[in-house]
Amino acid sequence: MTEIAGKTVLVTGAASGIGRLMALGAARRGATLVLWDIQSEPLEMLAKEIENEGGRAYPYTCDVGDPSAVERTADQVHRDGRRIDVLVNNAGVVAGRRFLDLTDEDIERTFRVNTLAHYWTTRAFLPWMLERGAGHVVTIASAAGLGPGPRMTAYAASKAAAVEFAECLRVELDETAPGVRTTLVCPWYIDTGMFEGVQAGRLGRLTAILREADVAEAVLGALEHDRKRLYMPWMVYPAAALRALPAGLADRTLSALGVFRTMDHFVGRAVHR
C-alpha cells in the first residue's frame, strides 16, 4: 500500500480536468501538493482552494513540453526543500486532426507533452525516490495508446510511447528499486473538455464517456493499492487484446463497436489536461 497522507505529491497538468481533481483528492487524504501547469491563474486558484480546505499546496507555473522549463522548475522545487514522494505525470494535449492536416508543431508538441515530459519530470525526481528506497510514479496514458483510430496518429502514438515508458520503467525498478512503485493508467475518453465533441461507442455504458471525478478517484485508489495498471472502463482490457488478432479482423471488430467513429465530431481544446 502507498500511504498518501503525509506525502508530497506532484501533479502535472494540475490546473484543470482530472489533474485538478486528483490534486484535491490527494490533499483531502492528507498529502502536501506540488502543482504544475502552464496556466498560472487557475493553478493559483487551485492552491488557494486546497489551502482553504486546510491543506497545503505549492503552485509552480511550468510548460512540461519545454525541457529547460522542466529543469528550472524542478531545480526550484528542490531549492524550496520539497521532496517528491509521488509523481503524477498527467499533463496532455491532443490535436485530433487527420494525418496530413497535422502541422509540425502539432506533432512535436504532442510528443513533447504526452511523452517526453514523462522522461524529463521522472528524471528530475526519481533520484530522490531511489535514495529513500520508496516512491511512486504514475503515468496517465490513454486507451488510445493501446489501439488504432482515425485522427489519432499523433495522440495515439504519443500515448503508446507513454505506455511503454511506464511498462519499461516498472520492470527496471522491480529489478533495481522494488520500493519505488509505478502505476500505468489508460482511460477511455474523459469528459474534461479536452475531447469535446467525441462520441461514445456502440456498447452503451460500456463505451460511454468517463466522468472525470470517477477517473480521478480511481487513479488515487490505484495509487494507494499499488496497482501496476489501471484501464478504464474494463472493456479496455479485451479491446487491447484485439492487437493479437489479424489486423483485418481487429479493425472490423473495432469498427463494429463504433470506435473508429468516435472522433468524427471532435472539437476539443489543445490545452494541458
C-alpha atoms as a PDB file:
ATOM      1  CA  MET A   1       0.000   0.000   0.000  1.00  0.00           C
ATOM      2  CA  THR A   2       1.114   3.554  -0.752  1.00  0.00           C
ATOM      3  CA  GLU A   3       0.026   5.833   2.075  1.00  0.00           C
ATOM      4  CA  ILE A   4      -0.791   9.266   0.655  1.00  0.00           C
ATOM      5  CA  ALA A   5      -1.239  11.057   3.978  1.00  0.00           C
ATOM      6  CA  GLY A   6       1.907  12.928   4.950  1.00  0.00           C
ATOM      7  CA  LYS A   7       3.458  12.512   1.489  1.00  0.00           C
ATOM      8  CA  THR A   8       4.346  15.198  -1.045  1.00  0.00           C
ATOM      9  CA  VAL A   9       2.555  14.620  -4.348  1.00  0.00           C
ATOM     10  CA  LEU A  10       3.434  16.435  -7.568  1.00  0.00           C
ATOM     11  CA  VAL A  11       0.732  16.574 -10.248  1.00  0.00           C
ATOM     12  CA  THR A  12       1.461  17.953 -13.713  1.00  0.00           C
ATOM     13  CA  GLY A  13      -1.405  19.473 -15.665  1.00  0.00           C
ATOM     14  CA  ALA A  14      -2.996  20.228 -12.300  1.00  0.00           C
ATOM     15  CA  ALA A  15      -4.985  23.355 -13.200  1.00  0.00           C
ATOM     16  CA  SER A  16      -7.931  21.554 -14.794  1.00  0.00           C
ATOM     17  CA  GLY A  17      -9.575  18.219 -15.560  1.00  0.00           C
ATOM     18  CA  ILE A  18      -8.544  15.086 -13.742  1.00  0.00           C
ATOM     19  CA  GLY A  19      -5.277  16.731 -12.677  1.00  0.00           C
ATOM     20  CA  ARG A  20      -7.204  19.244 -10.601  1.00  0.00           C
ATOM     21  CA  LEU A  21      -9.478  16.579  -9.110  1.00  0.00           C
ATOM     22  CA  MET A  22      -6.576  14.256  -8.313  1.00  0.00           C
ATOM     23  CA  ALA A  23      -4.809  17.120  -6.552  1.00  0.00           C
ATOM     24  CA  LEU A  24      -7.907  17.914  -4.496  1.00  0.00           C
ATOM     25  CA  GLY A  25      -8.428  14.250  -3.673  1.00  0.00           C
ATOM     26  CA  ALA A  26      -4.813  13.765  -2.596  1.00  0.00           C
ATOM     27  CA  ALA A  27      -4.950  16.909  -0.446  1.00  0.00           C
ATOM     28  CA  ARG A  28      -8.111  15.655   1.247  1.00  0.00           C
ATOM     29  CA  ARG A  29      -6.244  12.441   2.029  1.00  0.00           C
ATOM     30  CA  GLY A  30      -3.584  14.449   3.873  1.00  0.00           C
ATOM     31  CA  ALA A  31      -0.941  14.942   1.189  1.00  0.00           C
ATOM     32  CA  THR A  32       1.043  18.097   0.505  1.00  0.00           C
ATOM     33  CA  LEU A  33       0.586  19.096  -3.134  1.00  0.00           C
ATOM     34  CA  VAL A  34       3.115  20.471  -5.585  1.00  0.00           C
ATOM     35  CA  LEU A  35       1.097  21.725  -8.543  1.00  0.00           C
ATOM     36  CA  TRP A  36       2.489  22.197 -12.055  1.00  0.00           C
ATOM     37  CA  ASP A  37       0.690  23.668 -15.032  1.00  0.00           C
ATOM     38  CA  ILE A  38       1.248  26.126 -17.846  1.00  0.00           C
ATOM     39  CA  GLN A  39      -1.873  28.054 -16.775  1.00  0.00           C
ATOM     40  CA  SER A  40      -0.880  30.278 -13.861  1.00  0.00           C
ATOM     41  CA  GLU A  41      -4.195  31.791 -12.787  1.00  0.00           C
ATOM     42  CA  PRO A  42      -6.249  28.574 -12.389  1.00  0.00           C
ATOM     43  CA  LEU A  43      -3.223  26.959 -10.762  1.00  0.00           C
ATOM     44  CA  GLU A  44      -3.110  29.681  -8.104  1.00  0.00           C
ATOM     45  CA  MET A  45      -6.860  29.317  -7.600  1.00  0.00           C
ATOM     46  CA  LEU A  46      -6.478  25.577  -7.034  1.00  0.00           C
ATOM     47  CA  ALA A  47      -3.718  26.126  -4.493  1.00  0.00           C
ATOM     48  CA  LYS A  48      -5.945  28.573  -2.606  1.00  0.00           C
ATOM     49  CA  GLU A  49      -8.854  26.121  -2.738  1.00  0.00           C
ATOM     50  CA  ILE A  50      -6.694  23.410  -1.195  1.00  0.00           C
ATOM     51  CA  GLU A  51      -5.405  25.796   1.473  1.00  0.00           C
ATOM     52  CA  ASN A  52      -8.945  26.955   2.264  1.00  0.00           C
ATOM     53  CA  GLU A  53      -9.802  23.327   2.972  1.00  0.00           C
ATOM     54  CA  GLY A  54      -6.926  23.100   5.426  1.00  0.00           C
ATOM     55  CA  GLY A  55      -4.387  21.527   3.087  1.00  0.00           C
ATOM     56  CA  ARG A  56      -1.004  22.630   1.792  1.00  0.00           C
ATOM     57  CA  ALA A  57      -0.297  23.329  -1.867  1.00  0.00           C
ATOM     58  CA  TYR A  58       2.548  24.971  -3.755  1.00  0.00           C
ATOM     59  CA  PRO A  59       1.917  26.090  -7.357  1.00  0.00           C
ATOM     60  CA  TYR A  60       4.657  26.283  -9.985  1.00  0.00           C
ATOM     61  CA  THR A  61       3.962  27.554 -13.486  1.00  0.00           C
ATOM     62  CA  CYS A  62       5.735  25.236 -15.923  1.00  0.00           C
ATOM     63  CA  ASP A  63       5.414  24.171 -19.544  1.00  0.00           C
ATOM     64  CA  VAL A  64       6.278  20.489 -19.293  1.00  0.00           C
ATOM     65  CA  GLY A  65       6.726  20.421 -23.062  1.00  0.00           C
ATOM     66  CA  ASP A  66       9.890  22.506 -22.632  1.00  0.00           C
ATOM     67  CA  PRO A  67      12.797  20.515 -21.140  1.00  0.00           C
ATOM     68  CA  SER A  68      14.571  23.688 -19.986  1.00  0.00           C
ATOM     69  CA  ALA A  69      11.422  24.811 -18.148  1.00  0.00           C
ATOM     70  CA  VAL A  70      11.091  21.398 -16.507  1.00  0.00           C
ATOM     71  CA  GLU A  71      14.710  21.515 -15.384  1.00  0.00           C
ATOM     72  CA  ARG A  72      14.398  25.059 -13.999  1.00  0.00           C
ATOM     73  CA  THR A  73      11.145  24.338 -12.203  1.00  0.00           C
ATOM     74  CA  ALA A  74      12.379  21.049 -10.760  1.00  0.00           C
ATOM     75  CA  ASP A  75      15.501  22.818  -9.503  1.00  0.00           C
ATOM     76  CA  GLN A  76      13.269  25.409  -7.827  1.00  0.00           C
ATOM     77  CA  VAL A  77      11.196  22.668  -6.201  1.00  0.00           C
ATOM     78  CA  HIS A  78      14.402  21.124  -4.832  1.00  0.00           C
ATOM     79  CA  ARG A  79      15.696  24.510  -3.641  1.00  0.00           C
ATOM     80  CA  ASP A  80      12.385  25.059  -1.867  1.00  0.00           C
ATOM     81  CA  GLY A  81      13.063  21.891   0.085  1.00  0.00           C
ATOM     82  CA  ARG A  82      10.186  19.897  -1.326  1.00  0.00           C
ATOM     83  CA  ARG A  83      10.988  16.217  -1.751  1.00  0.00           C
ATOM     84  CA  ILE A  84       8.560  14.477  -4.094  1.00  0.00           C
ATOM     85  CA  ASP A  85       7.224  11.142  -2.883  1.00  0.00           C
ATOM     86  CA  VAL A  86       4.610  10.660  -5.607  1.00  0.00           C
ATOM     87  CA  LEU A  87       4.915  11.974  -9.170  1.00  0.00           C
ATOM     88  CA  VAL A  88       1.745  12.012 -11.269  1.00  0.00           C
ATOM     89  CA  ASN A  89       2.598  12.631 -14.922  1.00  0.00           C
ATOM     90  CA  ASN A  90      -0.794  13.840 -16.075  1.00  0.00           C
ATOM     91  CA  ALA A  91      -0.384  16.796 -18.468  1.00  0.00           C
ATOM     92  CA  GLY A  92      -1.514  16.091 -22.019  1.00  0.00           C
ATOM     93  CA  VAL A  93      -2.556  17.683 -25.312  1.00  0.00           C
ATOM     94  CA  VAL A  94      -4.418  16.483 -28.388  1.00  0.00           C
ATOM     95  CA  ALA A  95      -4.605  17.814 -31.937  1.00  0.00           C
ATOM     96  CA  GLY A  96      -7.316  15.463 -33.248  1.00  0.00           C
ATOM     97  CA  ARG A  97      -6.652  16.045 -36.950  1.00  0.00           C
ATOM     98  CA  ARG A  98      -6.144  13.614 -39.783  1.00  0.00           C
ATOM     99  CA  PHE A  99      -2.516  12.837 -40.544  1.00  0.00           C
ATOM    100  CA  LEU A 100      -1.994  15.178 -43.496  1.00  0.00           C
ATOM    101  CA  ASP A 101      -3.699  18.026 -41.635  1.00  0.00           C
ATOM    102  CA  LEU A 102      -1.263  17.887 -38.724  1.00  0.00           C
ATOM    103  CA  THR A 103       1.355  20.635 -38.610  1.00  0.00           C
ATOM    104  CA  ASP A 104       4.919  20.056 -37.486  1.00  0.00           C
ATOM    105  CA  GLU A 105       4.069  21.975 -34.306  1.00  0.00           C
ATOM    106  CA  ASP A 106       1.025  19.727 -33.686  1.00  0.00           C
ATOM    107  CA  ILE A 107       3.185  16.624 -33.886  1.00  0.00           C
ATOM    108  CA  GLU A 108       6.158  17.935 -31.950  1.00  0.00           C
ATOM    109  CA  ARG A 109       4.127  19.463 -29.127  1.00  0.00           C
ATOM    110  CA  THR A 110       2.015  16.323 -28.765  1.00  0.00           C
ATOM    111  CA  PHE A 111       5.105  14.210 -28.258  1.00  0.00           C
ATOM    112  CA  ARG A 112       6.862  16.776 -26.053  1.00  0.00           C
ATOM    113  CA  VAL A 113       3.923  16.999 -23.630  1.00  0.00           C
ATOM    114  CA  ASN A 114       2.459  13.495 -23.835  1.00  0.00           C
ATOM    115  CA  THR A 115       5.691  11.501 -23.971  1.00  0.00           C
ATOM    116  CA  LEU A 116       8.971  13.337 -23.480  1.00  0.00           C
ATOM    117  CA  ALA A 117       7.723  15.284 -20.458  1.00  0.00           C
ATOM    118  CA  HIS A 118       7.440  11.957 -18.619  1.00  0.00           C
ATOM    119  CA  TYR A 119      11.151  11.405 -19.163  1.00  0.00           C
ATOM    120  CA  TRP A 120      12.115  14.906 -18.068  1.00  0.00           C
ATOM    121  CA  THR A 121       9.995  15.025 -14.903  1.00  0.00           C
ATOM    122  CA  THR A 122      10.786  11.474 -13.838  1.00  0.00           C
ATOM    123  CA  ARG A 123      14.495  12.031 -14.353  1.00  0.00           C
ATOM    124  CA  ALA A 124      14.231  15.129 -12.141  1.00  0.00           C
ATOM    125  CA  PHE A 125      12.529  13.428  -9.186  1.00  0.00           C
ATOM    126  CA  LEU A 126      13.300   9.700  -9.368  1.00  0.00           C
ATOM    127  CA  PRO A 127      16.800  10.030  -7.835  1.00  0.00           C
ATOM    128  CA  TRP A 128      15.267  11.243  -4.550  1.00  0.00           C
ATOM    129  CA  MET A 129      12.925   8.255  -4.521  1.00  0.00           C
ATOM    130  CA  LEU A 130      15.811   5.888  -5.210  1.00  0.00           C
ATOM    131  CA  GLU A 131      17.829   7.455  -2.410  1.00  0.00           C
ATOM    132  CA  ARG A 132      14.971   6.841   0.023  1.00  0.00           C
ATOM    133  CA  GLY A 133      14.101   3.454  -1.438  1.00  0.00           C
ATOM    134  CA  ALA A 134      10.459   4.490  -1.718  1.00  0.00           C
ATOM    135  CA  GLY A 135       8.221   6.469  -4.053  1.00  0.00           C
ATOM    136  CA  HIS A 136       5.616   6.169  -6.749  1.00  0.00           C
ATOM    137  CA  VAL A 137       5.457   7.289 -10.385  1.00  0.00           C
ATOM    138  CA  VAL A 138       2.014   7.450 -12.007  1.00  0.00           C
ATOM    139  CA  THR A 139       1.762   7.647 -15.791  1.00  0.00           C
ATOM    140  CA  ILE A 140      -1.539   8.920 -17.178  1.00  0.00           C
ATOM    141  CA  ALA A 141      -1.537   7.440 -20.675  1.00  0.00           C
ATOM    142  CA  SER A 142      -4.702   6.552 -22.615  1.00  0.00           C
ATOM    143  CA  ALA A 143      -6.674   3.694 -24.083  1.00  0.00           C
ATOM    144  CA  ALA A 144      -5.758   5.356 -27.389  1.00  0.00           C
ATOM    145  CA  GLY A 145      -2.211   4.159 -26.783  1.00  0.00           C
ATOM    146  CA  LEU A 146      -3.398   0.540 -26.947  1.00  0.00           C
ATOM    147  CA  GLY A 147      -5.055   0.557 -30.357  1.00  0.00           C
ATOM    148  CA  PRO A 148      -5.622   2.497 -33.599  1.00  0.00           C
ATOM    149  CA  GLY A 149      -8.154   5.134 -34.559  1.00  0.00           C
ATOM    150  CA  PRO A 150      -8.669   7.818 -37.230  1.00  0.00           C
ATOM    151  CA  ARG A 151      -7.495  11.358 -36.410  1.00  0.00           C
ATOM    152  CA  MET A 152      -5.278   9.934 -33.683  1.00  0.00           C
ATOM    153  CA  THR A 153      -1.911   9.399 -35.389  1.00  0.00           C
ATOM    154  CA  ALA A 154      -0.095  11.909 -33.186  1.00  0.00           C
ATOM    155  CA  TYR A 155      -2.046  11.471 -29.947  1.00  0.00           C
ATOM    156  CA  ALA A 156      -2.289   7.673 -30.005  1.00  0.00           C
ATOM    157  CA  ALA A 157       1.369   7.271 -30.961  1.00  0.00           C
ATOM    158  CA  SER A 158       2.460   9.606 -28.166  1.00  0.00           C
ATOM    159  CA  LYS A 159       0.333   7.707 -25.662  1.00  0.00           C
ATOM    160  CA  ALA A 160       1.603   4.339 -26.919  1.00  0.00           C
ATOM    161  CA  ALA A 161       5.095   5.628 -26.198  1.00  0.00           C
ATOM    162  CA  ALA A 162       3.947   6.712 -22.729  1.00  0.00           C
ATOM    163  CA  VAL A 163       2.570   3.213 -22.148  1.00  0.00           C
ATOM    164  CA  GLU A 164       5.896   1.609 -22.983  1.00  0.00           C
ATOM    165  CA  PHE A 165       7.759   4.218 -20.933  1.00  0.00           C
ATOM    166  CA  ALA A 166       5.713   3.200 -17.888  1.00  0.00           C
ATOM    167  CA  GLU A 167       5.978  -0.533 -18.567  1.00  0.00           C
ATOM    168  CA  CYS A 168       9.746  -0.470 -19.085  1.00  0.00           C
ATOM    169  CA  LEU A 169      10.271   1.759 -16.060  1.00  0.00           C
ATOM    170  CA  ARG A 170       8.220  -0.684 -13.982  1.00  0.00           C
ATOM    171  CA  VAL A 171      10.287  -3.755 -14.827  1.00  0.00           C
ATOM    172  CA  GLU A 172      13.511  -1.789 -14.443  1.00  0.00           C
ATOM    173  CA  LEU A 173      12.528  -0.568 -10.970  1.00  0.00           C
ATOM    174  CA  ASP A 174      11.242  -4.009  -9.981  1.00  0.00           C
ATOM    175  CA  GLU A 175      14.815  -5.241 -10.504  1.00  0.00           C
ATOM    176  CA  THR A 176      16.760  -2.329  -9.053  1.00  0.00           C
ATOM    177  CA  ALA A 177      14.470  -0.493  -6.604  1.00  0.00           C
ATOM    178  CA  PRO A 178      11.386  -2.532  -5.644  1.00  0.00           C
ATOM    179  CA  GLY A 179      10.351   0.077  -3.095  1.00  0.00           C
ATOM    180  CA  VAL A 180       9.652   2.570  -5.883  1.00  0.00           C
ATOM    181  CA  ARG A 181       6.297   1.674  -7.420  1.00  0.00           C
ATOM    182  CA  THR A 182       4.676   2.613 -10.714  1.00  0.00           C
ATOM    183  CA  THR A 183       1.098   2.789 -11.939  1.00  0.00           C
ATOM    184  CA  LEU A 184       0.064   2.973 -15.591  1.00  0.00           C
ATOM    185  CA  VAL A 185      -3.373   4.487 -16.271  1.00  0.00           C
ATOM    186  CA  CYS A 186      -5.137   4.003 -19.615  1.00  0.00           C
ATOM    187  CA  PRO A 187      -8.604   5.571 -19.585  1.00  0.00           C
ATOM    188  CA  TRP A 188     -11.154   5.822 -22.379  1.00  0.00           C
ATOM    189  CA  TYR A 189     -12.364   9.324 -23.280  1.00  0.00           C
ATOM    190  CA  ILE A 190     -12.998  11.571 -20.266  1.00  0.00           C
ATOM    191  CA  ASP A 191     -15.454  14.469 -20.057  1.00  0.00           C
ATOM    192  CA  THR A 192     -12.772  17.060 -19.246  1.00  0.00           C
ATOM    193  CA  GLY A 193     -13.387  19.196 -22.345  1.00  0.00           C
ATOM    194  CA  MET A 194     -10.082  18.142 -23.880  1.00  0.00           C
ATOM    195  CA  PHE A 195     -12.023  15.729 -26.101  1.00  0.00           C
ATOM    196  CA  GLU A 196     -15.068  17.932 -26.573  1.00  0.00           C
ATOM    197  CA  GLY A 197     -17.269  16.553 -29.345  1.00  0.00           C
ATOM    198  CA  VAL A 198     -16.170  12.910 -29.179  1.00  0.00           C
ATOM    199  CA  GLN A 199     -18.881  10.272 -29.282  1.00  0.00           C
ATOM    200  CA  ALA A 200     -19.345   7.156 -27.198  1.00  0.00           C
ATOM    201  CA  GLY A 201     -19.035   3.740 -28.816  1.00  0.00           C
ATOM    202  CA  ARG A 202     -21.962   1.443 -29.609  1.00  0.00           C
ATOM    203  CA  LEU A 203     -21.999  -0.570 -26.390  1.00  0.00           C
ATOM    204  CA  GLY A 204     -23.888   1.955 -24.276  1.00  0.00           C
ATOM    205  CA  ARG A 205     -22.476   2.350 -20.789  1.00  0.00           C
ATOM    206  CA  LEU A 206     -19.562   0.018 -21.589  1.00  0.00           C
ATOM    207  CA  THR A 207     -18.123   2.584 -24.006  1.00  0.00           C
ATOM    208  CA  ALA A 208     -19.652   5.741 -22.523  1.00  0.00           C
ATOM    209  CA  ILE A 209     -17.570   8.860 -21.932  1.00  0.00           C
ATOM    210  CA  LEU A 210     -15.991   8.629 -18.474  1.00  0.00           C
ATOM    211  CA  ARG A 211     -16.713  11.176 -15.737  1.00  0.00           C
ATOM    212  CA  GLU A 212     -13.578  12.993 -14.679  1.00  0.00           C
ATOM    213  CA  ALA A 213     -14.436  12.672 -10.974  1.00  0.00           C
ATOM    214  CA  ASP A 214     -14.691   8.884 -11.326  1.00  0.00           C
ATOM    215  CA  VAL A 215     -11.341   8.672 -13.115  1.00  0.00           C
ATOM    216  CA  ALA A 216      -9.562  10.898 -10.592  1.00  0.00           C
ATOM    217  CA  GLU A 217     -10.846   8.836  -7.670  1.00  0.00           C
ATOM    218  CA  ALA A 218      -9.969   5.555  -9.410  1.00  0.00           C
ATOM    219  CA  VAL A 219      -6.409   6.741 -10.059  1.00  0.00           C
ATOM    220  CA  LEU A 220      -5.918   7.686  -6.413  1.00  0.00           C
ATOM    221  CA  GLY A 221      -7.322   4.314  -5.383  1.00  0.00           C
ATOM    222  CA  ALA A 222      -4.964   2.502  -7.765  1.00  0.00           C
ATOM    223  CA  LEU A 223      -2.054   4.519  -6.372  1.00  0.00           C
ATOM    224  CA  GLU A 224      -2.971   3.652  -2.796  1.00  0.00           C
ATOM    225  CA  HIS A 225      -3.274  -0.056  -3.623  1.00  0.00           C
ATOM    226  CA  ASP A 226      -0.061  -0.144  -5.688  1.00  0.00           C
ATOM    227  CA  ARG A 227      -1.870  -1.315  -8.806  1.00  0.00           C
ATOM    228  CA  LYS A 228       0.552  -1.660 -11.676  1.00  0.00           C
ATOM    229  CA  ARG A 229      -2.117  -0.980 -14.314  1.00  0.00           C
ATOM    230  CA  LEU A 230      -5.493   0.720 -14.362  1.00  0.00           C
ATOM    231  CA  TYR A 231      -7.551   0.500 -17.557  1.00  0.00           C
ATOM    232  CA  MET A 232     -10.939   2.263 -17.588  1.00  0.00           C
ATOM    233  CA  PRO A 233     -13.551   1.004 -18.238  1.00  0.00           C
ATOM    234  CA  TRP A 234     -12.916  -2.742 -18.014  1.00  0.00           C
ATOM    235  CA  MET A 235     -13.766  -3.071 -21.715  1.00  0.00           C
ATOM    236  CA  VAL A 236     -10.341  -1.569 -22.475  1.00  0.00           C
ATOM    237  CA  TYR A 237      -8.709  -4.852 -21.393  1.00  0.00           C
ATOM    238  CA  PRO A 238     -10.319  -7.068 -24.086  1.00  0.00           C
ATOM    239  CA  ALA A 239     -10.127  -4.220 -26.606  1.00  0.00           C
ATOM    240  CA  ALA A 240      -6.369  -4.013 -26.096  1.00  0.00           C
ATOM    241  CA  ALA A 241      -6.125  -7.778 -26.641  1.00  0.00           C
ATOM    242  CA  LEU A 242      -7.517  -7.335 -30.157  1.00  0.00           C
ATOM    243  CA  ARG A 243      -3.997  -6.449 -31.293  1.00  0.00           C
ATOM    244  CA  ALA A 244      -3.187 -10.149 -31.116  1.00  0.00           C
ATOM    245  CA  LEU A 245      -5.745 -10.813 -33.875  1.00  0.00           C
ATOM    246  CA  PRO A 246      -5.117 -10.389 -37.613  1.00  0.00           C
ATOM    247  CA  ALA A 247      -5.323  -6.684 -38.466  1.00  0.00           C
ATOM    248  CA  GLY A 248      -8.381  -7.040 -40.687  1.00  0.00           C
ATOM    249  CA  LEU A 249     -10.381  -8.878 -38.021  1.00  0.00           C
ATOM    250  CA  ALA A 250      -9.311  -6.460 -35.291  1.00  0.00           C
ATOM    251  CA  ASP A 251     -10.249  -3.467 -37.452  1.00  0.00           C
ATOM    252  CA  ARG A 252     -13.673  -4.908 -38.283  1.00  0.00           C
ATOM    253  CA  THR A 253     -14.335  -5.558 -34.600  1.00  0.00           C
ATOM    254  CA  LEU A 254     -13.349  -2.038 -33.526  1.00  0.00           C
ATOM    255  CA  SER A 255     -15.362  -0.553 -36.374  1.00  0.00           C
ATOM    256  CA  ALA A 256     -18.419  -2.581 -35.366  1.00  0.00           C
ATOM    257  CA  LEU A 257     -18.047  -1.233 -31.825  1.00  0.00           C
ATOM    258  CA  GLY A 258     -18.072   2.313 -33.194  1.00  0.00           C
ATOM    259  CA  VAL A 259     -14.523   3.062 -32.047  1.00  0.00           C
ATOM    260  CA  PHE A 260     -13.459   4.387 -35.461  1.00  0.00           C
ATOM    261  CA  ARG A 261     -16.284   6.954 -35.481  1.00  0.00           C
ATOM    262  CA  THR A 262     -15.726   8.452 -32.032  1.00  0.00           C
ATOM    263  CA  MET A 263     -13.602  11.357 -33.329  1.00  0.00           C
ATOM    264  CA  ASP A 264     -15.893  12.321 -36.236  1.00  0.00           C
ATOM    265  CA  HIS A 265     -17.221  15.418 -34.450  1.00  0.00           C
ATOM    266  CA  PHE A 266     -14.197  16.202 -32.312  1.00  0.00           C
ATOM    267  CA  VAL A 267     -13.755  19.852 -31.335  1.00  0.00           C
ATOM    268  CA  GLY A 268     -11.578  19.654 -28.251  1.00  0.00           C
ATOM    269  CA  ARG A 269      -9.179  22.170 -26.822  1.00  0.00           C
ATOM    270  CA  ALA A 270      -5.410  21.786 -27.114  1.00  0.00           C
ATOM    271  CA  VAL A 271      -4.507  22.555 -23.517  1.00  0.00           C
ATOM    272  CA  HIS A 272      -2.948  20.552 -20.717  1.00  0.00           C
ATOM    273  CA  ARG A 273      -5.241  18.054 -19.078  1.00  0.00           C
END
